[in-house]
Amino acid sequence: MGKKTDKRKIVGLVCEESGHRHYYTKKNTMNTPDKLRLKKYNPVLRKHTWYAETKKNLGRNEVKPRKG
């Protein structure tokens, strides 16, 4: 798997409209300390929607409110 000094973390992406988590990705926490927000395809709604970053091991699929 990853080394201890690995800067990349695995994060889950949760749909802001439906609340489902369909995608996982890695991000470099040194270069992008902010939360990711990407527009990706939602297979349930069958359209492109905004996905927000959550922890990989989050038990419930909730989008936390943004501070800014």
N, C-alpha and C. Protein backbone atom coordinates (compact mmCIF):
# COMPACT_ATOMS: atom_id res chain seq x y z
N MET A 1 0.84 -1.18 0.00
CA MET A 1 0.00 0.00 0.00
C MET A 1 0.88 1.24 0.00
N GLY A 2 0.53 2.22 0.84
CA GLY A 2 1.28 3.47 0.87
C GLY A 2 2.34 3.47 1.94
N LYS A 3 3.34 4.29 1.74
CA LYS A 3 4.40 4.44 2.73
C LYS A 3 3.93 5.36 3.84
N LYS A 4 4.67 5.38 4.94
CA LYS A 4 4.33 6.29 6.03
C LYS A 4 4.51 7.74 5.63
N THR A 5 5.47 8.00 4.77
CA THR A 5 5.75 9.38 4.36
C THR A 5 4.94 9.80 3.14
N ASP A 6 4.00 8.98 2.72
CA ASP A 6 3.19 9.28 1.54
C ASP A 6 2.29 10.48 1.82
N LYS A 7 2.36 11.49 0.97
CA LYS A 7 1.58 12.72 1.15
C LYS A 7 0.16 12.58 0.60
N ARG A 8 -0.08 11.55 -0.20
CA ARG A 8 -1.39 11.38 -0.81
C ARG A 8 -2.32 10.62 0.12
N LYS A 9 -3.54 11.13 0.25
CA LYS A 9 -4.56 10.50 1.09
C LYS A 9 -5.73 10.08 0.21
N ILE A 10 -6.38 8.98 0.59
CA ILE A 10 -7.57 8.53 -0.13
C ILE A 10 -8.78 9.24 0.46
N VAL A 11 -9.59 9.86 -0.40
CA VAL A 11 -10.78 10.57 0.04
C VAL A 11 -11.97 10.06 -0.78
N GLY A 12 -13.14 10.10 -0.17
CA GLY A 12 -14.37 9.74 -0.85
C GLY A 12 -15.06 11.00 -1.35
N LEU A 13 -15.78 10.86 -2.45
CA LEU A 13 -16.52 11.98 -3.01
C LEU A 13 -18.01 11.68 -2.89
N VAL A 14 -18.75 12.58 -2.22
CA VAL A 14 -20.18 12.40 -1.97
C VAL A 14 -20.95 13.41 -2.80
N CYS A 15 -22.01 12.93 -3.44
CA CYS A 15 -22.86 13.79 -4.25
C CYS A 15 -23.61 14.77 -3.35
N GLU A 16 -23.62 16.03 -3.73
CA GLU A 16 -24.30 17.05 -2.94
C GLU A 16 -25.82 17.00 -3.12
N GLU A 17 -26.30 16.42 -4.21
CA GLU A 17 -27.75 16.36 -4.45
C GLU A 17 -28.37 15.11 -3.86
N SER A 18 -27.77 13.95 -4.12
CA SER A 18 -28.39 12.69 -3.67
C SER A 18 -27.78 12.16 -2.37
N GLY A 19 -26.55 12.53 -2.05
CA GLY A 19 -25.90 12.06 -0.83
C GLY A 19 -25.21 10.72 -0.98
N HIS A 20 -25.17 10.17 -2.19
CA HIS A 20 -24.50 8.91 -2.42
C HIS A 20 -23.01 9.13 -2.65
N ARG A 21 -22.23 8.13 -2.23
CA ARG A 21 -20.78 8.21 -2.44
C ARG A 21 -20.41 7.18 -3.51
N HIS A 22 -20.09 7.66 -4.72
CA HIS A 22 -19.77 6.78 -5.83
C HIS A 22 -18.29 6.76 -6.17
N TYR A 23 -17.57 7.79 -5.84
CA TYR A 23 -16.19 7.93 -6.30
C TYR A 23 -15.22 8.03 -5.13
N TYR A 24 -14.03 7.48 -5.34
CA TYR A 24 -12.90 7.63 -4.42
C TYR A 24 -11.73 8.12 -5.24
N THR A 25 -10.90 8.95 -4.64
CA THR A 25 -9.74 9.47 -5.33
C THR A 25 -8.63 9.73 -4.32
N LYS A 26 -7.43 9.96 -4.83
CA LYS A 26 -6.31 10.32 -3.98
C LYS A 26 -6.02 11.80 -4.19
N LYS A 27 -5.60 12.48 -3.12
CA LYS A 27 -5.22 13.87 -3.28
C LYS A 27 -3.96 14.14 -2.47
N ASN A 28 -3.15 15.03 -2.95
CA ASN A 28 -1.93 15.42 -2.26
C ASN A 28 -2.31 16.53 -1.27
N THR A 29 -2.19 16.23 0.02
CA THR A 29 -2.62 17.18 1.04
C THR A 29 -1.68 18.37 1.16
N MET A 30 -0.46 18.24 0.67
CA MET A 30 0.47 19.37 0.71
C MET A 30 0.11 20.42 -0.33
N ASN A 31 -0.29 19.99 -1.52
CA ASN A 31 -0.61 20.92 -2.60
C ASN A 31 -2.03 21.46 -2.50
N THR A 32 -2.97 20.64 -2.04
CA THR A 32 -4.38 21.05 -1.97
C THR A 32 -4.90 20.80 -0.56
N PRO A 33 -4.68 21.73 0.35
CA PRO A 33 -5.17 21.53 1.72
C PRO A 33 -6.68 21.72 1.84
N ASP A 34 -7.31 22.43 0.89
CA ASP A 34 -8.75 22.65 0.93
C ASP A 34 -9.49 21.38 0.50
N LYS A 35 -10.79 21.37 0.77
CA LYS A 35 -11.60 20.22 0.36
C LYS A 35 -11.83 20.26 -1.15
N LEU A 36 -11.82 19.08 -1.75
CA LEU A 36 -12.08 18.97 -3.18
C LEU A 36 -13.57 19.15 -3.45
N ARG A 37 -13.87 19.72 -4.59
CA ARG A 37 -15.26 19.82 -5.05
C ARG A 37 -15.20 19.69 -6.57
N LEU A 38 -15.67 18.53 -7.07
CA LEU A 38 -15.57 18.21 -8.47
C LEU A 38 -16.94 17.94 -9.06
N LYS A 39 -17.07 18.21 -10.35
CA LYS A 39 -18.31 17.90 -11.05
C LYS A 39 -18.11 16.58 -11.77
N LYS A 40 -18.89 15.56 -11.36
CA LYS A 40 -18.74 14.23 -11.91
C LYS A 40 -20.12 13.65 -12.24
N TYR A 41 -20.12 12.55 -12.97
CA TYR A 41 -21.37 11.92 -13.40
C TYR A 41 -21.97 11.11 -12.26
N ASN A 42 -23.27 11.30 -12.01
CA ASN A 42 -24.00 10.54 -11.00
C ASN A 42 -24.83 9.48 -11.72
N PRO A 43 -24.52 8.19 -11.55
CA PRO A 43 -25.26 7.15 -12.27
C PRO A 43 -26.70 6.98 -11.77
N VAL A 44 -27.00 7.37 -10.55
CA VAL A 44 -28.36 7.24 -10.04
C VAL A 44 -29.26 8.31 -10.65
N LEU A 45 -28.81 9.55 -10.63
CA LEU A 45 -29.59 10.65 -11.20
C LEU A 45 -29.42 10.77 -12.71
N ARG A 46 -28.39 10.10 -13.26
CA ARG A 46 -28.06 10.12 -14.68
C ARG A 46 -27.80 11.52 -15.21
N LYS A 47 -27.01 12.27 -14.45
CA LYS A 47 -26.58 13.60 -14.90
C LYS A 47 -25.32 13.98 -14.14
N HIS A 48 -24.66 15.04 -14.55
CA HIS A 48 -23.47 15.52 -13.87
C HIS A 48 -23.88 16.38 -12.68
N THR A 49 -23.28 16.10 -11.51
CA THR A 49 -23.59 16.83 -10.29
C THR A 49 -22.28 17.15 -9.57
N TRP A 50 -22.37 18.01 -8.57
CA TRP A 50 -21.19 18.38 -7.78
C TRP A 50 -20.95 17.34 -6.70
N TYR A 51 -19.69 16.96 -6.54
CA TYR A 51 -19.26 16.01 -5.51
C TYR A 51 -18.31 16.72 -4.57
N ALA A 52 -18.49 16.52 -3.25
CA ALA A 52 -17.64 17.13 -2.24
C ALA A 52 -16.82 16.05 -1.54
N GLU A 53 -15.68 16.44 -1.03
CA GLU A 53 -14.76 15.51 -0.39
C GLU A 53 -15.21 15.15 1.02
N THR A 54 -15.10 13.87 1.37
CA THR A 54 -15.29 13.39 2.73
C THR A 54 -14.17 12.39 3.02
N LYS A 55 -14.10 11.92 4.25
CA LYS A 55 -13.12 10.90 4.58
C LYS A 55 -13.51 9.59 3.93
N LYS A 56 -12.52 8.76 3.68
CA LYS A 56 -12.80 7.47 3.04
C LYS A 56 -13.60 6.56 3.95
N ASN A 57 -13.30 6.56 5.24
CA ASN A 57 -13.93 5.63 6.16
C ASN A 57 -15.16 6.21 6.85
N LEU A 58 -15.75 7.24 6.29
CA LEU A 58 -16.93 7.85 6.89
C LEU A 58 -18.08 6.86 6.82
N GLY A 59 -18.70 6.58 7.96
CA GLY A 59 -19.76 5.58 8.02
C GLY A 59 -21.03 6.03 7.33
N ARG A 60 -21.36 7.29 7.38
CA ARG A 60 -22.57 7.78 6.74
C ARG A 60 -22.18 8.75 5.64
N ASN A 61 -22.98 8.79 4.63
CA ASN A 61 -22.69 9.61 3.46
C ASN A 61 -23.30 10.98 3.63
N GLU A 62 -22.61 11.85 4.37
CA GLU A 62 -23.11 13.20 4.61
C GLU A 62 -22.11 14.20 4.06
N VAL A 63 -22.63 15.28 3.55
CA VAL A 63 -21.78 16.37 3.09
C VAL A 63 -21.73 17.40 4.20
N LYS A 64 -20.54 17.70 4.67
CA LYS A 64 -20.41 18.70 5.73
C LYS A 64 -20.48 20.09 5.11
N PRO A 65 -21.13 21.05 5.78
CA PRO A 65 -21.25 22.39 5.20
C PRO A 65 -19.89 23.07 5.08
N ARG A 66 -19.74 23.82 4.00
CA ARG A 66 -18.49 24.54 3.76
C ARG A 66 -18.46 25.81 4.59
N LYS A 67 -17.26 26.23 4.99
CA LYS A 67 -17.13 27.40 5.87
C LYS A 67 -17.06 28.71 5.12
N GLY A 68 -16.92 28.71 3.84
CA GLY A 68 -16.71 29.99 3.20
C GLY A 68 -17.67 30.37 2.22
